């Protein structure tokens, strides 16, 4: 069995893994969707942090007025989260746009490299304690829409989402109502010079990531309407991108005979940019829809959502114009087969071609499309990328075939030893290594799609968040199936039995003690504030 570790110490030093295993891995090159969607964002963040470090090492070469500007911005290696948020509230006459981008890069780094629970633990009772007021200030800065560049907006947006989800129990009230409406408006409004289509794709990922952590473990009330709303937007962008690509390839362009070569090239470049940016929104939306599906309890209601969704997904999936849209929609189809609430009736599964006990009645249609895409031969695709594309479609095909078969599906849903073996054959076994004795296993599309959004929120800090942020860690706990509960295959807490979590008991106790201590300190602080205000008399 091929076992790979994700997000270990080495993975933090590079966003691209050198491993080339079969399964699309959230931290590796084979994960085309994650790289395609997030690489520019990671490069922007990395560039800003490198610029900031370079300034610290060489500030003695700066002109005095530049040094003064940086001093006013208060970008220092010892700057706290609250200080940096305060710096963003300073007049733009005092802090340039470039400086604000560097402040935001430093702020994001401080937010994600250490869980806010741990960060605040040593700051309770001090001016550096990060509470609701600081988060409200950051939300207000974002909502006043005065970013001067796409980069500034994107960094500010990511900081805001990361800070809220860093302690969702404390800040959940700030994530509802007006702020949710604001994010939805960013998605639905026409693109601008600041909120570009690429930025819209990140807005979708952040919006879904926030909902994922906010609603994880709840009843999923209202998520179905959000799924419908997001898919309608997603479908529009995907179809627009595919239509543009098709028209472009077929030469259906009114300008083709009326412009000189230079003008043609300019228009072609504009069309290509438009197609790519629309595809980015579509891909983020498809992954977002998949992530939202994981928040709905597995019952007949979820089945209705899936049965309505899959025919629409197939229209996007069955295309050879944009393989990234095909891969994203294929992942959601595979997820649908995983989370579908199957009836325990073998007779309903007798017909392999027309299966009434599955997400899509005409299963042969899906398998035939997948078989064709597995063997897709695009001359424009490099040999390395072609191998990755084939492996992703093969994993999706394996998922559909195994969940579409009664015998193998029952074993998988039981999580029996045979079922776990089948899972390892569908997807390579992967682990996020947290410590010598603690790992998280990623062996399903459910966990894979959730990890995509968790990585968007915390980037290079996701490893540290998983160690000390219970809300982030709980996101990667897949709920047991009815069959798993019924047959009692819960597994032992060790690596050999493939349980989802390999626990370090001492760490768990330390984590619980830390949370209990922090809650007690919060109560004490609130009591002191009430005494100061005379409210407890």
Protein backbone atom coordinates (compact mmCIF):
# COMPACT_ATOMS: atom_id res chain seq x y z
CA UNK A 1 0.00 0.00 0.00
CA UNK A 2 1.38 3.35 -1.02
CA UNK A 3 1.29 5.80 1.89
CA UNK A 4 2.07 9.46 1.48
CA UNK A 5 2.34 12.18 4.08
CA UNK A 6 0.79 15.59 3.41
CA UNK A 7 1.60 18.91 5.03
CA UNK A 8 4.58 17.63 6.97
CA UNK A 9 7.65 19.76 7.69
CA UNK A 10 8.94 19.41 4.14
CA UNK A 11 5.65 20.35 2.57
CA UNK A 12 5.69 23.68 4.40
CA UNK A 13 8.85 24.69 2.62
CA UNK A 14 7.32 24.28 -0.80
CA UNK A 15 3.85 24.46 -2.21
CA UNK A 16 4.60 21.78 -4.75
CA UNK A 17 5.34 18.22 -3.82
CA UNK A 18 7.78 16.11 -5.80
CA UNK A 19 5.70 12.97 -5.39
CA UNK A 20 3.80 11.73 -8.41
CA UNK A 21 1.37 9.22 -6.95
CA UNK A 22 -1.93 8.37 -8.60
CA UNK A 23 -4.36 10.25 -6.44
CA UNK A 24 -4.90 14.00 -6.91
CA UNK A 25 -3.23 15.23 -3.77
CA UNK A 26 -4.08 18.56 -2.13
CA UNK A 27 -0.44 19.38 -1.62
CA UNK A 28 1.05 18.03 -4.82
CA UNK A 29 1.49 18.81 -8.50
CA UNK A 30 -1.06 16.17 -9.38
CA UNK A 31 -3.71 18.32 -7.78
CA UNK A 32 -4.24 20.40 -10.88
CA UNK A 33 -7.30 22.16 -9.51
CA UNK A 34 -5.68 23.41 -6.33
CA UNK A 35 -2.56 24.61 -8.12
CA UNK A 36 -4.62 26.12 -10.95
CA UNK A 37 -6.82 28.04 -8.53
CA UNK A 38 -4.43 29.02 -5.77
CA UNK A 39 -0.92 29.26 -7.23
CA UNK A 40 -1.15 32.98 -8.06
CA UNK A 41 -2.46 33.71 -4.58
CA UNK A 42 0.38 31.81 -2.92
CA UNK A 43 2.94 33.53 -5.14
CA UNK A 44 1.52 36.94 -4.23
CA UNK A 45 1.70 36.17 -0.52
CA UNK A 46 5.20 34.73 -0.78
CA UNK A 47 6.41 37.74 -2.77
CA UNK A 48 5.05 40.22 -0.22
CA UNK A 49 6.61 38.36 2.71
CA UNK A 50 9.95 38.19 0.91
CA UNK A 51 9.79 41.94 0.23
CA UNK A 52 9.02 42.56 3.88
CA UNK A 53 11.94 40.45 5.06
CA UNK A 54 14.24 42.17 2.58
CA UNK A 55 13.22 45.55 3.94
CA UNK A 56 13.97 44.49 7.49
CA UNK A 57 17.45 43.33 6.55
CA UNK A 58 18.31 46.33 4.36
CA UNK A 59 16.33 49.26 5.78
CA UNK A 60 19.54 51.17 6.45
CA UNK A 61 19.81 51.70 2.67
CA UNK A 62 16.42 53.34 2.41
CA UNK A 63 15.98 57.06 2.14
CA UNK A 64 14.88 58.68 5.36
CA UNK A 65 11.39 59.51 4.09
CA UNK A 66 10.86 55.86 3.12
CA UNK A 67 11.99 54.72 6.55
CA UNK A 68 9.59 57.18 8.15
CA UNK A 69 6.78 55.84 6.03
CA UNK A 70 7.50 52.31 7.13
CA UNK A 71 7.73 53.43 10.74
CA UNK A 72 4.35 55.08 10.50
CA UNK A 73 3.00 51.84 9.06
CA UNK A 74 4.43 50.11 12.13
CA UNK A 75 5.57 47.07 10.21
CA UNK A 76 7.96 45.49 12.66
CA UNK A 77 9.02 41.95 13.34
CA UNK A 78 7.42 42.23 16.78
CA UNK A 79 4.17 43.78 15.53
CA UNK A 80 1.05 42.18 16.98
CA UNK A 81 -2.18 41.34 15.17
CA UNK A 82 -3.95 44.28 16.82
CA UNK A 83 -1.14 46.70 15.93
CA UNK A 84 -1.23 45.66 12.29
CA UNK A 85 -5.02 46.00 12.13
CA UNK A 86 -4.65 49.47 13.66
CA UNK A 87 -2.07 50.32 10.97
CA UNK A 88 -4.66 49.53 8.30
CA UNK A 89 -6.95 52.15 9.85
CA UNK A 90 -4.33 54.88 9.43
CA UNK A 91 -4.98 57.44 6.68
CA UNK A 92 -3.72 56.53 3.23
CA UNK A 93 -1.82 59.82 3.25
CA UNK A 94 0.44 58.22 5.85
CA UNK A 95 0.58 54.66 4.54
CA UNK A 96 1.09 53.91 0.84
CA UNK A 97 -0.72 51.13 -1.01
CA UNK A 98 2.50 49.11 -1.23
CA UNK A 99 2.96 49.44 2.52
CA UNK A 100 -0.61 48.33 3.15
CA UNK A 101 -0.05 45.21 1.06
CA UNK A 102 3.03 44.39 3.12
CA UNK A 103 1.11 45.01 6.35
CA UNK A 104 -1.57 42.60 5.15
CA UNK A 105 0.98 39.94 4.22
CA UNK A 106 2.53 40.20 7.69
CA UNK A 107 -0.91 40.17 9.31
CA UNK A 108 -1.92 37.02 7.44
CA UNK A 109 1.29 35.31 8.48
CA UNK A 110 0.66 36.12 12.15
CA UNK A 111 -2.91 34.86 11.93
CA UNK A 112 -2.15 31.47 10.38
CA UNK A 113 1.23 30.41 11.79
CA UNK A 114 -0.25 29.98 15.25
CA UNK A 115 -3.77 29.12 16.31
CA UNK A 116 -5.49 32.20 17.75
CA UNK A 117 -6.39 30.10 20.80
CA UNK A 118 -2.69 29.66 21.49
CA UNK A 119 -1.86 33.24 20.44
CA UNK A 120 -4.42 34.72 22.84
CA UNK A 121 -3.57 32.39 25.69
CA UNK A 122 -0.48 34.39 26.63
CA UNK A 123 -2.14 37.75 25.94
CA UNK A 124 -5.29 37.65 28.04
CA UNK A 125 -5.55 40.85 30.04
CA UNK A 126 -3.12 42.69 27.76
CA UNK A 127 -3.69 45.21 24.98
CA UNK A 128 -2.59 42.62 22.42
CA UNK A 129 -5.48 40.24 23.12
CA UNK A 130 -7.47 39.74 19.90
CA UNK A 131 -11.19 39.94 20.58
CA UNK A 132 -14.38 40.75 18.70
CA UNK A 133 -13.47 44.43 18.43
CA UNK A 134 -10.33 43.70 16.40
CA UNK A 135 -12.18 41.32 14.09
CA UNK A 136 -15.00 43.85 13.65
CA UNK A 137 -12.43 46.50 12.73
CA UNK A 138 -10.93 44.25 10.05
CA UNK A 139 -14.37 43.39 8.66
CA UNK A 140 -15.23 47.10 8.53
CA UNK A 141 -12.01 47.88 6.62
CA UNK A 142 -12.90 45.19 4.06
CA UNK A 143 -16.53 46.26 3.71
CA UNK A 144 -15.76 49.92 3.08
CA UNK A 145 -14.29 48.82 -0.29
CA UNK A 146 -11.40 51.23 -0.55
CA UNK A 147 -8.69 48.79 -1.71
CA UNK A 148 -6.53 50.42 -4.39
CA UNK A 149 -5.39 47.26 -6.16
CA UNK A 150 -6.60 43.69 -6.76
CA UNK A 151 -3.68 42.46 -4.65
CA UNK A 152 -4.60 44.64 -1.68
CA UNK A 153 -8.22 43.49 -1.79
CA UNK A 154 -7.25 39.82 -2.04
CA UNK A 155 -4.82 39.98 0.88
CA UNK A 156 -7.34 41.90 2.99
CA UNK A 157 -10.13 39.45 2.18
CA UNK A 158 -7.99 36.44 3.02
CA UNK A 159 -6.85 38.01 6.31
CA UNK A 160 -10.45 38.65 7.30
CA UNK A 161 -11.65 35.11 6.58
CA UNK A 162 -8.60 33.56 8.26
CA UNK A 163 -9.05 35.66 11.41
CA UNK A 164 -12.75 34.76 11.74
CA UNK A 165 -12.23 31.01 11.28
CA UNK A 166 -9.15 31.00 13.52
CA UNK A 167 -11.58 31.06 16.48
CA UNK A 168 -15.03 30.39 15.06
CA UNK A 169 -16.58 29.81 18.49
CA UNK A 170 -15.61 33.33 19.53
CA UNK A 171 -16.33 35.15 16.27
CA UNK A 172 -19.21 33.21 14.68
CA UNK A 173 -21.69 36.00 15.42
CA UNK A 174 -19.61 38.37 13.27
CA UNK A 175 -19.79 36.01 10.28
CA UNK A 176 -23.57 36.13 9.90
CA UNK A 177 -25.99 38.68 8.53
CA UNK A 178 -24.45 41.74 6.92
CA UNK A 179 -21.03 40.21 6.31
CA UNK A 180 -22.52 37.18 4.52
CA UNK A 181 -24.62 39.46 2.33
CA UNK A 182 -21.50 41.49 1.55
CA UNK A 183 -19.61 38.40 0.38
CA UNK A 184 -22.53 37.25 -1.75
CA UNK A 185 -22.67 40.68 -3.38
CA UNK A 186 -18.97 40.42 -4.26
CA UNK A 187 -19.75 37.15 -6.05
CA UNK A 188 -22.83 38.35 -7.94
CA UNK A 189 -21.82 41.90 -8.89
CA UNK A 190 -20.03 42.50 -12.22
CA UNK A 191 -16.24 42.29 -12.14
CA UNK A 192 -14.29 45.51 -11.63
CA UNK A 193 -10.65 46.57 -11.83
CA UNK A 194 -10.32 45.60 -8.14
CA UNK A 195 -12.75 42.69 -7.82
CA UNK A 196 -11.50 40.89 -10.92
CA UNK A 197 -12.81 37.52 -12.06
CA UNK A 198 -9.75 35.88 -10.52
CA UNK A 199 -10.51 37.62 -7.23
CA UNK A 200 -14.12 36.48 -7.50
CA UNK A 201 -12.91 32.88 -7.61
CA UNK A 202 -11.08 33.48 -4.33
CA UNK A 203 -14.12 35.20 -2.84
CA UNK A 204 -16.09 32.01 -3.56
CA UNK A 205 -13.42 29.80 -1.95
CA UNK A 206 -13.28 32.02 1.13
CA UNK A 207 -17.06 32.24 1.39
CA UNK A 208 -17.42 28.45 1.21
CA UNK A 209 -14.48 27.91 3.58
CA UNK A 210 -16.16 30.15 6.15
CA UNK A 211 -19.49 28.32 5.77
CA UNK A 212 -17.69 24.97 6.05
CA UNK A 213 -16.15 25.78 9.43
CA UNK A 214 -19.18 27.73 10.65
CA UNK A 215 -21.74 24.99 9.89
CA UNK A 216 -19.60 21.87 10.36
CA UNK A 217 -21.45 19.40 12.58
CA UNK A 218 -24.76 21.28 12.39
CA UNK A 219 -28.05 20.27 10.77
CA UNK A 220 -27.12 22.01 7.52
CA UNK A 221 -30.29 24.10 7.59
CA UNK A 222 -30.47 26.43 4.58
CA UNK A 223 -27.38 24.98 2.89
CA UNK A 224 -29.53 23.54 0.09
CA UNK A 225 -30.58 27.02 -1.06
CA UNK A 226 -26.94 28.15 -0.96
CA UNK A 227 -25.98 25.15 -3.10
CA UNK A 228 -28.65 26.04 -5.68
CA UNK A 229 -27.62 29.71 -5.69
CA UNK A 230 -23.91 28.97 -6.07
CA UNK A 231 -24.40 26.30 -8.72
CA UNK A 232 -26.52 28.61 -10.85
CA UNK A 233 -23.71 31.20 -10.82
CA UNK A 234 -21.07 28.53 -11.38
CA UNK A 235 -22.88 26.97 -14.31
CA UNK A 236 -23.22 30.35 -16.01
CA UNK A 237 -19.49 31.05 -15.86
CA UNK A 238 -18.57 27.51 -16.95
CA UNK A 239 -20.91 27.56 -19.95
CA UNK A 240 -19.72 31.03 -20.94
CA UNK A 241 -16.08 29.89 -20.83
CA UNK A 242 -16.82 26.71 -22.80
CA UNK A 243 -18.87 28.59 -25.41
CA UNK A 244 -16.08 31.14 -25.88
CA UNK A 245 -13.52 28.38 -26.31
CA UNK A 246 -15.73 26.53 -28.79
CA UNK A 247 -16.44 29.67 -30.85
CA UNK A 248 -12.77 30.58 -30.81
CA UNK A 249 -11.70 27.14 -32.06
CA UNK A 250 -14.39 27.09 -34.75
CA UNK A 251 -13.49 30.58 -35.92
CA UNK A 252 -16.89 32.09 -35.13
CA UNK A 253 -15.51 35.60 -34.68
CA UNK A 254 -17.09 38.57 -36.43
CA UNK A 255 -13.83 40.49 -36.31
CA UNK A 256 -11.78 37.80 -38.04
CA UNK A 257 -11.78 39.51 -41.46
CA UNK A 258 -11.89 43.15 -40.41
CA UNK A 259 -8.76 43.70 -38.32
CA UNK A 260 -5.06 43.62 -38.98
CA UNK A 261 -2.84 40.95 -37.42
CA UNK A 262 -1.85 43.12 -34.45
CA UNK A 263 -5.47 43.90 -33.58
CA UNK A 264 -6.40 40.25 -34.00
CA UNK A 265 -3.70 39.19 -31.57
CA UNK A 266 -4.83 41.75 -29.01
CA UNK A 267 -8.42 40.56 -29.26
CA UNK A 268 -7.33 36.92 -29.08
CA UNK A 269 -5.36 37.69 -25.92
CA UNK A 270 -8.38 39.42 -24.39
CA UNK A 271 -10.60 36.46 -25.24
CA UNK A 272 -8.12 34.00 -23.76
CA UNK A 273 -7.89 36.02 -20.56
CA UNK A 274 -11.69 36.17 -20.34
CA UNK A 275 -12.02 32.42 -20.90
CA UNK A 276 -9.41 31.57 -18.27
CA UNK A 277 -10.83 33.95 -15.67
CA UNK A 278 -14.38 32.67 -16.18
CA UNK A 279 -13.11 29.11 -15.89
CA UNK A 280 -11.42 30.03 -12.58
CA UNK A 281 -14.75 31.18 -11.16
CA UNK A 282 -16.44 28.04 -12.47
CA UNK A 283 -13.84 25.72 -10.94
CA UNK A 284 -13.95 27.48 -7.55
CA UNK A 285 -17.74 27.31 -7.67
CA UNK A 286 -17.78 23.59 -8.49
CA UNK A 287 -15.45 22.79 -5.62
CA UNK A 288 -17.55 25.09 -3.44
CA UNK A 289 -20.75 23.23 -4.32
CA UNK A 290 -19.00 19.97 -3.46
CA UNK A 291 -17.85 21.33 -0.11
CA UNK A 292 -21.36 22.57 0.73
CA UNK A 293 -22.75 19.11 -0.05
CA UNK A 294 -20.56 17.71 2.75
CA UNK A 295 -22.46 19.92 5.23
CA UNK A 296 -25.84 18.30 4.48
CA UNK A 297 -26.68 15.22 6.61
CA UNK A 298 -26.77 11.96 4.65
CA UNK A 299 -30.47 11.29 4.22
CA UNK A 300 -33.22 11.35 1.58
CA UNK A 301 -33.10 15.15 1.47
CA UNK A 302 -29.43 15.04 0.42
CA UNK A 303 -30.37 12.44 -2.18
CA UNK A 304 -32.87 14.84 -3.73
CA UNK A 305 -30.20 17.54 -4.00
CA UNK A 306 -27.72 15.11 -5.56
CA UNK A 307 -30.21 13.61 -8.02
CA UNK A 308 -31.10 17.10 -9.21
CA UNK A 309 -27.45 18.15 -9.43
CA UNK A 310 -25.75 15.26 -11.24
CA UNK A 311 -27.45 15.69 -14.67
CA UNK A 312 -26.33 19.33 -14.63
CA UNK A 313 -22.81 18.35 -13.58
CA UNK A 314 -22.63 15.84 -16.43
CA UNK A 315 -23.15 18.62 -18.98
CA UNK A 316 -20.03 20.36 -17.69
CA UNK A 317 -18.13 17.13 -17.11
CA UNK A 318 -18.60 15.79 -20.64
CA UNK A 319 -16.43 18.33 -22.45
CA UNK A 320 -12.98 18.24 -23.99
CA UNK A 321 -12.65 22.02 -24.31
CA UNK A 322 -11.50 22.74 -20.75
CA UNK A 323 -10.13 19.77 -18.87
CA UNK A 324 -9.96 21.71 -15.59
CA UNK A 325 -13.73 22.22 -15.61
CA UNK A 326 -14.12 18.49 -16.38
CA UNK A 327 -11.88 17.53 -13.47
CA UNK A 328 -13.66 19.81 -11.00
CA UNK A 329 -17.14 18.63 -11.99
CA UNK A 330 -15.88 15.03 -11.98
CA UNK A 331 -14.66 15.40 -8.41
CA UNK A 332 -18.10 16.60 -7.33
CA UNK A 333 -19.74 13.65 -9.13
CA UNK A 334 -17.38 11.27 -7.30
CA UNK A 335 -18.25 13.01 -4.02
CA UNK A 336 -21.97 12.57 -4.78
CA UNK A 337 -21.43 8.82 -5.12
CA UNK A 338 -19.63 8.81 -1.76
CA UNK A 339 -22.17 10.75 0.30
CA UNK A 340 -25.38 9.47 -1.35
CA UNK A 341 -27.74 7.78 1.14
CA UNK A 342 -28.07 4.29 -0.35
CA UNK A 343 -30.96 1.95 0.42
CA UNK A 344 -29.94 -1.44 1.77
CA UNK A 345 -31.68 -3.46 -0.94
CA UNK A 346 -29.59 -5.66 -3.20
CA UNK A 347 -32.43 -6.18 -5.69
CA UNK A 348 -32.35 -2.50 -6.64
CA UNK A 349 -28.72 -2.83 -7.72
CA UNK A 350 -29.14 -5.78 -10.06
CA UNK A 351 -29.01 -3.74 -13.27
CA UNK A 352 -25.52 -2.27 -13.64
CA UNK A 353 -26.57 0.00 -16.52
CA UNK A 354 -29.78 1.40 -15.02
CA UNK A 355 -29.37 1.57 -11.25
CA UNK A 356 -32.28 3.04 -9.30
CA UNK A 357 -30.30 2.89 -6.05
CA UNK A 358 -27.60 5.36 -7.08
CA UNK A 359 -27.14 9.11 -7.60
CA UNK A 360 -27.73 8.76 -11.36
CA UNK A 361 -30.06 6.22 -12.95
CA UNK A 362 -28.16 5.77 -16.22
CA UNK A 363 -24.84 4.81 -14.68
CA UNK A 364 -23.49 3.48 -17.97
CA UNK A 365 -23.58 7.03 -19.34
CA UNK A 366 -21.23 8.26 -16.61
CA UNK A 367 -18.82 5.34 -16.93
CA UNK A 368 -18.64 5.68 -20.72
CA UNK A 369 -17.82 9.40 -20.47
CA UNK A 370 -15.19 8.67 -17.82
CA UNK A 371 -13.65 5.89 -19.89
CA UNK A 372 -13.33 8.27 -22.83
CA UNK A 373 -11.78 11.02 -20.69
CA UNK A 374 -9.32 8.57 -19.13
CA UNK A 375 -8.05 7.90 -22.64
CA UNK A 376 -8.22 11.54 -23.72
CA UNK A 377 -5.39 12.39 -26.12
CA UNK A 378 -4.79 16.13 -26.35
CA UNK A 379 -1.65 17.05 -28.26
CA UNK A 380 -1.44 20.39 -26.45
CA UNK A 381 -1.16 18.69 -23.06
CA UNK A 382 2.33 17.76 -21.88
CA UNK A 383 3.14 14.14 -21.15
CA UNK A 384 3.43 14.90 -17.42
CA UNK A 385 0.08 16.74 -17.25
CA UNK A 386 -1.56 14.05 -19.37
CA UNK A 387 -0.54 11.43 -16.83
CA UNK A 388 -2.06 13.49 -14.02
CA UNK A 389 -5.28 14.07 -15.96
CA UNK A 390 -5.63 10.36 -16.68
CA UNK A 391 -5.02 9.45 -13.03
CA UNK A 392 -7.68 11.88 -11.77
CA UNK A 393 -10.33 10.59 -14.17
CA UNK A 394 -9.32 7.02 -13.34
CA UNK A 395 -9.84 7.69 -9.61
CA UNK A 396 -13.26 9.20 -10.35
CA UNK A 397 -14.14 6.18 -12.51
CA UNK A 398 -13.03 3.80 -9.74
CA UNK A 399 -15.24 5.70 -7.29
CA UNK A 400 -18.32 5.51 -9.51
CA UNK A 401 -17.83 1.81 -10.29
CA UNK A 402 -17.20 0.73 -6.69
CA UNK A 403 -20.02 2.75 -5.17
CA UNK A 404 -22.31 1.70 -8.02
CA UNK A 405 -21.76 -1.97 -7.18
CA UNK A 406 -23.77 -3.32 -4.23
CA UNK A 407 -21.16 -5.73 -2.84
CA UNK A 408 -18.19 -3.36 -2.88
CA UNK A 409 -20.29 -0.39 -1.74
CA UNK A 410 -21.58 -2.22 1.35
CA UNK A 411 -18.04 -3.12 2.38
CA UNK A 412 -16.89 0.48 1.89
CA UNK A 413 -19.82 1.91 3.85
CA UNK A 414 -19.21 -0.57 6.67
CA UNK A 415 -15.55 0.51 6.72
CA UNK A 416 -14.75 -3.17 7.11
CA UNK A 417 -11.19 -4.37 6.53
CA UNK A 418 -12.20 -5.33 2.98
CA UNK A 419 -13.90 -1.95 2.54
CA UNK A 420 -10.78 -0.08 3.63
CA UNK A 421 -8.76 -2.14 1.18
CA UNK A 422 -11.15 -1.16 -1.63
CA UNK A 423 -10.84 2.51 -0.61
CA UNK A 424 -7.07 2.28 -0.81
CA UNK A 425 -7.43 0.91 -4.34
CA UNK A 426 -9.73 3.76 -5.35
CA UNK A 427 -7.37 6.41 -4.00
CA UNK A 428 -3.83 6.12 -2.66
CA UNK A 429 -3.71 6.28 1.12
CA UNK A 430 -2.57 9.73 2.26
CA UNK A 431 -1.78 11.21 5.64
CA UNK A 432 -1.34 14.66 7.07
CA UNK A 433 1.36 14.08 9.65
CA UNK A 434 0.86 16.25 12.74
CA UNK A 435 3.39 14.65 15.07
CA UNK A 436 5.24 11.38 15.57
CA UNK A 437 2.10 9.76 16.95
CA UNK A 438 -0.70 11.77 15.37
CA UNK A 439 -1.84 11.84 11.74
CA UNK A 440 -4.95 12.60 9.75
CA UNK A 441 -5.85 10.28 6.90
CA UNK A 442 -7.17 11.64 3.60
CA UNK A 443 -8.83 8.76 1.79
CA UNK A 444 -12.05 10.19 0.39
CA UNK A 445 -13.33 12.96 -1.86
CA UNK A 446 -15.24 14.28 1.16
CA UNK A 447 -12.00 14.99 3.02
CA UNK A 448 -10.12 16.00 -0.11
CA UNK A 449 -12.57 18.76 -1.09
CA UNK A 450 -12.75 20.01 2.48
CA UNK A 451 -8.97 20.15 2.67
CA UNK A 452 -8.90 22.33 -0.46
CA UNK A 453 -10.96 24.98 1.34
CA UNK A 454 -9.10 24.60 4.60
CA UNK A 455 -5.87 25.24 2.70
CA UNK A 456 -7.36 28.34 1.13
CA UNK A 457 -8.13 29.70 4.60
CA UNK A 458 -4.80 28.90 6.26
CA UNK A 459 -2.29 28.32 3.43
CA UNK A 460 1.16 27.44 4.82
CA UNK A 461 -0.27 27.61 8.35
CA UNK A 462 -2.81 24.81 7.88
CA UNK A 463 -0.48 22.31 9.57
CA UNK A 464 -0.25 24.41 12.75
CA UNK A 465 -3.98 25.09 12.72
CA UNK A 466 -4.75 21.38 12.53
CA UNK A 467 -2.55 20.80 15.55
CA UNK A 468 -4.02 23.45 17.86
CA UNK A 469 -7.31 24.66 16.36
CA UNK A 470 -10.10 22.17 17.23
CA UNK A 471 -12.57 23.73 14.78
CA UNK A 472 -10.14 23.31 11.87
CA UNK A 473 -9.31 19.77 12.94
CA UNK A 474 -12.98 18.78 13.24
CA UNK A 475 -13.52 19.74 9.60
CA UNK A 476 -11.38 16.75 8.61
CA UNK A 477 -13.45 14.27 10.62
CA UNK A 478 -15.78 12.41 8.30
CA UNK A 479 -19.09 11.42 9.96
CA UNK A 480 -19.64 7.65 10.24
CA UNK A 481 -22.05 6.04 7.77
CA UNK A 482 -25.20 4.25 8.94
CA UNK A 483 -23.59 0.95 7.95
CA UNK A 484 -20.44 1.78 9.90
CA UNK A 485 -22.49 2.46 13.03
CA UNK A 486 -24.68 -0.61 12.50
CA UNK A 487 -21.85 -3.07 11.95
CA UNK A 488 -19.46 -1.50 14.41
CA UNK A 489 -16.37 -1.22 12.19
CA UNK A 490 -14.95 1.84 13.94
CA UNK A 491 -11.35 0.75 13.82
CA UNK A 492 -8.64 1.03 16.46
CA UNK A 493 -6.72 4.23 16.96
CA UNK A 494 -3.54 3.11 15.30
CA UNK A 495 -2.06 3.33 11.85
CA UNK A 496 -2.39 -0.33 11.03
CA UNK A 497 -6.18 -0.19 11.34
CA UNK A 498 -6.49 2.86 9.10
CA UNK A 499 -8.59 4.97 11.44
CA UNK A 500 -9.11 8.54 10.33
CA UNK A 501 -7.24 9.89 13.32
CA UNK A 502 -4.18 8.49 15.03
CA UNK A 503 -4.33 10.11 18.43
CA UNK A 504 -1.73 11.16 20.92
CA UNK A 505 -3.64 10.95 24.23
CA UNK A 506 -1.26 13.32 25.99
CA UNK A 507 -1.75 15.91 23.25
CA UNK A 508 -5.53 15.58 23.47
CA UNK A 509 -5.42 16.21 27.21
CA UNK A 510 -3.14 19.22 26.73
CA UNK A 511 -5.51 20.56 24.08
CA UNK A 512 -8.54 20.17 26.35
CA UNK A 513 -6.73 21.76 29.29
CA UNK A 514 -5.66 24.70 27.12
CA UNK A 515 -9.22 25.28 25.89
CA UNK A 516 -10.63 24.98 29.42
CA UNK A 517 -8.01 27.36 30.79
CA UNK A 518 -8.63 29.88 28.01
CA UNK A 519 -12.39 29.82 28.59
CA UNK A 520 -11.84 30.36 32.31
CA UNK A 521 -9.54 33.32 31.64
CA UNK A 522 -12.11 34.79 29.28
CA UNK A 523 -14.80 34.58 31.97
CA UNK A 524 -12.47 36.18 34.52
CA UNK A 525 -11.66 39.00 32.12
CA UNK A 526 -15.35 39.61 31.43
CA UNK A 527 -16.08 39.63 35.17
CA UNK A 528 -13.35 42.20 35.76
CA UNK A 529 -14.72 44.41 32.99
CA UNK A 530 -18.22 44.20 34.48
CA UNK A 531 -16.84 45.15 37.90
CA UNK A 532 -15.06 48.14 36.38
CA UNK A 533 -18.34 49.25 34.81
CA UNK A 534 -20.30 48.51 37.98
CA UNK A 535 -22.58 46.07 36.16
CA UNK A 536 -22.32 43.26 38.68
CA UNK A 537 -23.81 45.19 41.57
